[in-house]
Amino acid sequence: MKEKILSLPNPFGSNLEIYKNIWGKSAEPLSIVSGLQGDHLNGMFLNCHLTQFLDSVVEGIDPNYTLTGQVQIFPVVNANAAQSGSRLWSLDGMDMDLAFPGNPAGEASEAIASAILQNTKDSYWGLILTSASPHYEDATHVKIYKSNSTTKKLCRDLQIKIARQQKKSSDQMVNLFHHWQEQETSSVMISSGSPRTINSKQCEILFQGILNFMKAEGILKDHRDTKSGCKTKTLVYKPDDEISVQTTSAGMFLKEVQVGSQLKKGQKIGEVRDLYSGKRLEQLISPEDGLLITLRQYPIVYEKEPIAIILSTKDNWSKIGHAIRSIVKK
């Protein structure tokens, strides 16, 4: 069922309205939020898929499932930014995920943040769907603050193999995830893909993972199940396990690997070429065995531009702040 949670006056005509979709009857729902940034389309598409599925279950079109808990989906939080195809709403320039806890009597972004937090305050579980930062692509992974048994079980049920533990900063104190953690909502952020793009393959994998999570937590009953769900081991990486590979030259970065790849020490990630002569200025290699979790997509780079993040558990890399780069000049 589509339910309006906020209506704000719009100087250009009809009011700005924010909606949620809600199914089932329970005091402690699963809340799934997407569209905090207007260009994070993967999460919005995934929530469209989930909405269509849950409608079919509740309406009896799909007889294989019964909804036994409550689910609420917030498909597009930053509706103004999504309408303009941008990350932020141009009129206020505020990142919606830095507006929490919000203020019901405040500016548009603050009022929206307040409405989202108010409508999710009783949630038992919470999922925030995001994508990589601008100009980058993420392999599917979850972001967490605490590596405890509850969080690990949530990741296993989602069938996501990689978790990145985050350091808390002043910026994170004003995001939705922080406030969910403060109110003890069992929650994670799920990052996948690039801004302004839809990766249907990634979305389908996440869709199946969320279904598995709902079945494991008793929110959804699959009448066909005769065996327990797939068991996925989640590897948790701490901030010290992350290696940032940066450029030493400005030019055009040409990648030679795909995000999500397992890299070997010494493997070539890509190279930087001069925009005017075409000459190779440097090649960037993997400094250690590890998983390529983030990769630069936009090819124009400056000096000291991060082009990759590699997850490695090698002890020696906890003492090294940056990656070794091999520069090859013609």
Protein backbone atom coordinates (compact mmCIF):
# COMPACT_ATOMS: atom_id res chain seq x y z
CA MET A 1 0.00 0.00 0.00
CA LYS A 2 1.31 3.42 -0.97
CA GLU A 3 1.23 5.88 1.92
CA LYS A 4 2.10 9.58 1.93
CA ILE A 5 4.45 10.51 4.78
CA LEU A 6 5.15 14.16 3.94
CA SER A 7 3.80 16.97 1.76
CA LEU A 8 5.70 20.24 1.34
CA PRO A 9 4.69 23.40 -0.56
CA ASN A 10 6.44 23.75 -3.92
CA PRO A 11 6.95 27.23 -5.42
CA PHE A 12 6.59 25.77 -8.93
CA GLY A 13 3.19 24.16 -8.55
CA SER A 14 2.02 20.91 -6.94
CA ASN A 15 3.42 19.98 -3.53
CA LEU A 16 6.58 17.91 -3.04
CA GLU A 17 5.32 14.59 -1.67
CA ILE A 18 7.31 11.73 -0.11
CA TYR A 19 5.82 8.24 0.02
CA LYS A 20 6.47 4.84 1.47
CA ASN A 21 5.09 1.44 0.48
CA ILE A 22 3.98 -0.77 3.36
CA TRP A 23 2.78 -4.38 3.63
CA GLY A 24 1.83 -6.65 6.53
CA LYS A 25 0.91 -6.01 10.13
CA SER A 26 3.61 -5.83 12.78
CA ALA A 27 4.91 -3.37 15.37
CA GLU A 28 8.57 -3.88 14.37
CA PRO A 29 8.96 -3.76 10.57
CA LEU A 30 11.83 -4.18 8.16
CA SER A 31 12.55 -0.75 6.64
CA ILE A 32 14.39 -0.47 3.30
CA VAL A 33 15.52 3.00 2.22
CA SER A 34 16.87 4.09 -1.17
CA GLY A 35 17.32 7.38 -2.98
CA LEU A 36 19.06 9.33 -0.22
CA GLN A 37 21.19 10.55 -3.12
CA GLY A 38 19.23 11.28 -6.28
CA ASP A 39 21.68 9.50 -8.62
CA HIS A 40 21.85 6.19 -6.72
CA LEU A 41 19.60 4.38 -9.17
CA ASN A 42 20.57 0.79 -8.31
CA GLY A 43 18.81 1.02 -4.95
CA MET A 44 15.72 2.66 -6.44
CA PHE A 45 15.47 -0.04 -9.11
CA LEU A 46 15.92 -2.79 -6.52
CA ASN A 47 13.14 -1.30 -4.39
CA CYS A 48 10.88 -1.20 -7.47
CA HIS A 49 11.56 -4.92 -7.93
CA LEU A 50 10.83 -5.65 -4.25
CA THR A 51 7.63 -3.60 -4.39
CA GLN A 52 6.33 -5.54 -7.37
CA PHE A 53 7.19 -8.83 -5.66
CA LEU A 54 5.55 -7.92 -2.33
CA ASP A 55 2.42 -6.68 -4.11
CA SER A 56 2.14 -10.05 -5.85
CA VAL A 57 2.53 -11.90 -2.53
CA VAL A 58 -0.03 -9.82 -0.63
CA GLU A 59 -2.53 -9.94 -3.51
CA GLY A 60 -2.18 -13.74 -3.74
CA ILE A 61 -0.77 -13.66 -7.26
CA ASP A 62 2.35 -15.51 -6.09
CA PRO A 63 1.07 -18.51 -4.06
CA ASN A 64 4.57 -19.70 -3.17
CA TYR A 65 5.02 -17.05 -0.47
CA THR A 66 3.18 -15.63 2.52
CA LEU A 67 4.16 -12.37 4.21
CA THR A 68 4.31 -13.08 7.94
CA GLY A 69 5.88 -9.79 9.09
CA GLN A 70 5.81 -6.17 8.04
CA VAL A 71 7.95 -4.50 5.38
CA GLN A 72 8.09 -0.82 4.52
CA ILE A 73 10.01 0.60 1.57
CA PHE A 74 11.04 4.21 1.03
CA PRO A 75 11.89 4.20 -2.70
CA VAL A 76 12.97 7.82 -3.31
CA VAL A 77 13.94 9.94 -0.32
CA ASN A 78 15.62 12.83 -2.15
CA ALA A 79 12.88 13.17 -4.76
CA ASN A 80 13.98 16.64 -5.92
CA ALA A 81 17.49 15.42 -6.73
CA ALA A 82 16.17 12.30 -8.47
CA GLN A 83 13.92 14.44 -10.66
CA SER A 84 16.92 16.46 -11.84
CA GLY A 85 19.15 13.39 -12.23
CA SER A 86 21.68 14.72 -9.74
CA ARG A 87 23.18 13.51 -6.47
CA LEU A 88 22.00 16.56 -4.50
CA TRP A 89 19.01 18.84 -4.82
CA SER A 90 20.45 21.93 -6.50
CA LEU A 91 18.32 24.46 -4.59
CA ASP A 92 19.73 23.58 -1.17
CA GLY A 93 22.89 21.64 -2.07
CA MET A 94 22.47 19.42 1.00
CA ASP A 95 23.34 15.75 1.06
CA MET A 96 20.17 14.16 2.43
CA ASP A 97 22.24 11.67 4.38
CA LEU A 98 23.83 14.55 6.32
CA ALA A 99 20.48 16.02 7.38
CA PHE A 100 19.51 13.62 10.19
CA PRO A 101 17.81 13.68 12.65
CA GLY A 102 16.20 16.53 10.73
CA ASN A 103 13.63 19.04 11.87
CA PRO A 104 9.90 18.87 11.02
CA ALA A 105 9.76 22.68 11.07
CA GLY A 106 13.03 23.14 9.16
CA GLU A 107 13.99 23.45 5.50
CA ALA A 108 12.89 20.84 2.95
CA SER A 109 15.83 18.45 3.48
CA GLU A 110 15.51 18.67 7.26
CA ALA A 111 11.75 18.04 7.11
CA ILE A 112 12.25 15.00 4.85
CA ALA A 113 14.97 13.58 7.11
CA SER A 114 12.72 14.03 10.14
CA ALA A 115 9.84 12.23 8.40
CA ILE A 116 12.06 9.28 7.39
CA LEU A 117 13.47 8.91 10.90
CA GLN A 118 10.03 9.21 12.50
CA ASN A 119 8.60 6.53 10.18
CA THR A 120 11.48 4.10 10.84
CA LYS A 121 11.97 4.63 14.58
CA ASP A 122 10.14 1.40 15.48
CA SER A 123 11.93 -0.74 12.88
CA TYR A 124 13.55 -3.94 14.09
CA TRP A 125 15.67 -4.19 10.92
CA GLY A 126 16.92 -1.54 8.49
CA LEU A 127 18.61 -1.66 5.09
CA ILE A 128 20.01 1.44 3.35
CA LEU A 129 20.69 0.95 -0.38
CA THR A 130 23.49 3.10 -1.83
CA SER A 131 26.08 3.16 -4.60
CA ALA A 132 29.71 4.24 -4.83
CA SER A 133 30.88 7.85 -4.60
CA PRO A 134 30.76 9.92 -7.80
CA HIS A 135 33.18 8.67 -10.51
CA TYR A 136 33.62 5.24 -8.86
CA GLU A 137 32.06 1.77 -8.89
CA ASP A 138 31.64 -0.52 -5.88
CA ALA A 139 31.53 -4.28 -5.80
CA THR A 140 28.53 -5.35 -3.72
CA HIS A 141 29.31 -5.16 -0.01
CA VAL A 142 27.85 -3.99 3.28
CA LYS A 143 29.10 -1.22 5.52
CA ILE A 144 28.88 -1.66 9.27
CA TYR A 145 29.98 0.10 12.46
CA LYS A 146 30.11 -2.91 14.78
CA SER A 147 31.34 -6.39 13.98
CA ASN A 148 29.20 -8.42 16.37
CA SER A 149 27.21 -11.64 16.09
CA THR A 150 23.96 -9.80 15.22
CA THR A 151 25.58 -7.88 12.37
CA LYS A 152 27.37 -10.95 11.05
CA LYS A 153 24.12 -12.94 11.03
CA LEU A 154 22.38 -10.14 9.15
CA CYS A 155 25.14 -10.19 6.51
CA ARG A 156 25.02 -13.98 6.22
CA ASP A 157 21.25 -13.92 5.78
CA LEU A 158 21.65 -11.30 3.03
CA GLN A 159 24.15 -13.65 1.34
CA ILE A 160 26.70 -10.82 1.03
CA LYS A 161 30.27 -12.01 1.36
CA ILE A 162 32.09 -8.73 2.09
CA ALA A 163 31.61 -6.31 5.00
CA ARG A 164 33.62 -3.12 5.57
CA GLN A 165 33.77 -1.81 9.11
CA GLN A 166 33.58 1.99 9.13
CA LYS A 167 35.37 4.48 11.34
CA LYS A 168 32.94 6.88 12.93
CA SER A 169 33.40 10.52 11.94
CA SER A 170 31.55 13.79 12.56
CA ASP A 171 29.79 13.40 9.18
CA GLN A 172 28.48 9.99 10.13
CA MET A 173 26.91 11.36 13.30
CA VAL A 174 24.27 13.06 11.16
CA ASN A 175 23.39 10.22 8.78
CA LEU A 176 20.45 7.83 8.90
CA PHE A 177 22.58 4.77 9.63
CA HIS A 178 24.06 6.36 12.76
CA HIS A 179 20.61 7.15 14.14
CA TRP A 180 19.38 3.64 13.39
CA GLN A 181 22.38 2.28 15.29
CA GLU A 182 21.68 4.63 18.20
CA GLN A 183 18.09 3.37 18.44
CA GLU A 184 19.39 -0.23 18.24
CA THR A 185 17.84 -1.06 14.89
CA SER A 186 19.60 -4.11 13.42
CA SER A 187 20.86 -2.45 10.24
CA VAL A 188 23.49 -2.25 7.52
CA MET A 189 24.25 -0.11 4.49
CA ILE A 190 24.49 -1.99 1.19
CA SER A 191 26.68 -0.41 -1.50
CA SER A 192 26.64 -1.65 -5.08
CA GLY A 193 27.44 -0.23 -8.49
CA SER A 194 27.96 3.32 -9.76
CA PRO A 195 25.86 6.48 -9.52
CA ARG A 196 23.58 7.28 -12.49
CA THR A 197 23.56 3.66 -13.67
CA ILE A 198 21.49 0.52 -13.12
CA ASN A 199 23.27 -2.82 -12.95
CA SER A 200 20.44 -5.34 -13.33
CA LYS A 201 22.69 -8.30 -12.53
CA GLN A 202 23.80 -6.79 -9.21
CA CYS A 203 20.19 -5.88 -8.40
CA GLU A 204 18.95 -9.41 -9.05
CA ILE A 205 21.62 -10.88 -6.76
CA LEU A 206 20.67 -8.39 -4.02
CA PHE A 207 16.97 -9.10 -4.58
CA GLN A 208 17.55 -12.80 -3.94
CA GLY A 209 19.68 -11.93 -0.91
CA ILE A 210 16.94 -9.75 0.62
CA LEU A 211 14.38 -12.51 0.01
CA ASN A 212 16.68 -14.95 1.78
CA PHE A 213 17.06 -12.46 4.65
CA MET A 214 13.29 -12.06 5.00
CA LYS A 215 12.83 -15.85 5.04
CA ALA A 216 15.63 -16.35 7.59
CA GLU A 217 14.16 -13.71 9.92
CA GLY A 218 10.59 -15.02 9.63
CA ILE A 219 9.26 -12.01 7.70
CA LEU A 220 8.46 -14.11 4.64
CA LYS A 221 7.45 -17.77 4.39
CA ASP A 222 8.39 -19.78 1.32
CA HIS A 223 5.99 -22.74 1.08
CA ARG A 224 8.37 -24.58 -1.25
CA ASP A 225 11.28 -24.66 1.22
CA THR A 226 12.28 -28.10 2.43
CA LYS A 227 15.89 -27.27 3.28
CA SER A 228 17.61 -24.48 5.11
CA GLY A 229 18.75 -21.47 3.08
CA CYS A 230 22.15 -21.04 1.50
CA LYS A 231 24.91 -20.40 4.04
CA THR A 232 27.25 -17.54 3.14
CA LYS A 233 30.40 -16.75 5.07
CA THR A 234 30.90 -13.00 5.43
CA LEU A 235 34.43 -11.63 5.67
CA VAL A 236 34.71 -8.47 7.76
CA TYR A 237 37.45 -6.03 6.78
CA LYS A 238 38.61 -3.32 9.16
CA PRO A 239 39.79 0.15 8.02
CA ASP A 240 43.42 -0.94 8.38
CA ASP A 241 42.80 -3.71 5.83
CA GLU A 242 42.07 -1.16 3.08
CA ILE A 243 44.78 -0.16 0.61
CA SER A 244 44.26 2.97 -1.46
CA VAL A 245 46.01 3.02 -4.84
CA GLN A 246 46.65 6.55 -6.12
CA THR A 247 48.04 8.16 -9.23
CA THR A 248 51.23 10.20 -9.40
CA SER A 249 50.38 11.69 -12.81
CA ALA A 250 47.48 13.63 -14.29
CA GLY A 251 45.89 12.33 -17.47
CA MET A 252 43.48 9.65 -18.66
CA PHE A 253 43.16 6.49 -16.57
CA LEU A 254 42.55 3.30 -18.57
CA LYS A 255 41.48 0.39 -16.38
CA GLU A 256 42.40 -3.22 -17.16
CA VAL A 257 40.50 -5.02 -14.39
CA GLN A 258 36.91 -5.22 -13.20
CA VAL A 259 35.63 -4.21 -9.79
CA GLY A 260 35.07 -7.26 -7.59
CA SER A 261 38.13 -9.04 -8.99
CA GLN A 262 40.59 -10.91 -6.80
CA LEU A 263 43.93 -9.30 -7.57
CA LYS A 264 47.40 -10.77 -7.25
CA LYS A 265 50.37 -8.81 -5.99
CA GLY A 266 51.98 -7.10 -8.98
CA GLN A 267 48.90 -7.42 -11.21
CA LYS A 268 48.27 -4.42 -13.44
CA ILE A 269 45.19 -2.39 -12.55
CA GLY A 270 45.52 0.14 -15.36
CA GLU A 271 47.61 2.98 -16.68
CA VAL A 272 47.55 6.75 -17.02
CA ARG A 273 48.18 8.32 -20.42
CA ASP A 274 48.93 11.90 -21.36
CA LEU A 275 45.89 13.57 -22.91
CA TYR A 276 47.92 15.44 -25.56
CA SER A 277 50.62 12.98 -26.61
CA GLY A 278 48.97 9.68 -25.71
CA LYS A 279 52.17 8.55 -24.02
CA ARG A 280 51.96 6.27 -21.02
CA LEU A 281 52.84 8.23 -17.90
CA GLU A 282 52.51 5.43 -15.37
CA GLN A 283 51.03 2.04 -14.78
CA LEU A 284 49.34 1.16 -11.53
CA ILE A 285 49.73 -2.28 -10.03
CA SER A 286 48.22 -4.10 -7.10
CA PRO A 287 50.60 -3.85 -4.14
CA GLU A 288 49.24 -7.01 -2.52
CA ASP A 289 46.84 -9.90 -3.01
CA GLY A 290 43.33 -8.69 -2.28
CA LEU A 291 39.79 -7.91 -3.39
CA LEU A 292 39.21 -4.89 -5.62
CA ILE A 293 36.21 -3.37 -3.83
CA THR A 294 36.19 0.10 -5.46
CA LEU A 295 37.45 1.21 -8.88
CA ARG A 296 37.61 4.56 -10.65
CA GLN A 297 35.12 4.79 -13.52
CA TYR A 298 35.54 8.36 -14.74
CA PRO A 299 38.84 8.29 -16.65
CA ILE A 300 40.12 11.88 -16.24
CA VAL A 301 42.40 11.99 -13.20
CA TYR A 302 44.69 14.41 -11.41
CA GLU A 303 47.83 13.75 -9.39
CA LYS A 304 47.25 11.81 -6.17
CA GLU A 305 43.80 10.73 -7.34
CA PRO A 306 42.56 7.48 -5.74
CA ILE A 307 41.77 4.98 -8.49
CA ALA A 308 41.22 1.80 -6.47
CA ILE A 309 40.60 0.44 -3.00
CA ILE A 310 41.85 -3.08 -2.32
CA LEU A 311 40.86 -5.14 0.71
CA SER A 312 43.71 -7.16 2.11
CA THR A 313 44.29 -8.85 5.46
CA LYS A 314 48.07 -8.80 5.22
CA ASP A 315 49.44 -7.63 8.56
CA ASN A 316 52.18 -5.52 7.01
CA TRP A 317 49.63 -3.36 5.21
CA SER A 318 48.14 -2.14 8.47
CA LYS A 319 51.34 -0.11 8.86
CA ILE A 320 51.47 1.24 5.34
CA GLY A 321 49.27 4.21 4.50
CA HIS A 322 49.34 4.02 0.71
CA ALA A 323 49.96 1.61 -2.11
CA ILE A 324 53.21 0.95 -3.92
CA ARG A 325 52.99 2.22 -7.47
CA SER A 326 55.14 1.21 -10.37
CA ILE A 327 55.77 4.09 -12.78
CA VAL A 328 56.77 3.13 -16.31
CA LYS A 329 57.77 5.95 -18.63
CA LYS A 330 58.42 5.65 -22.30
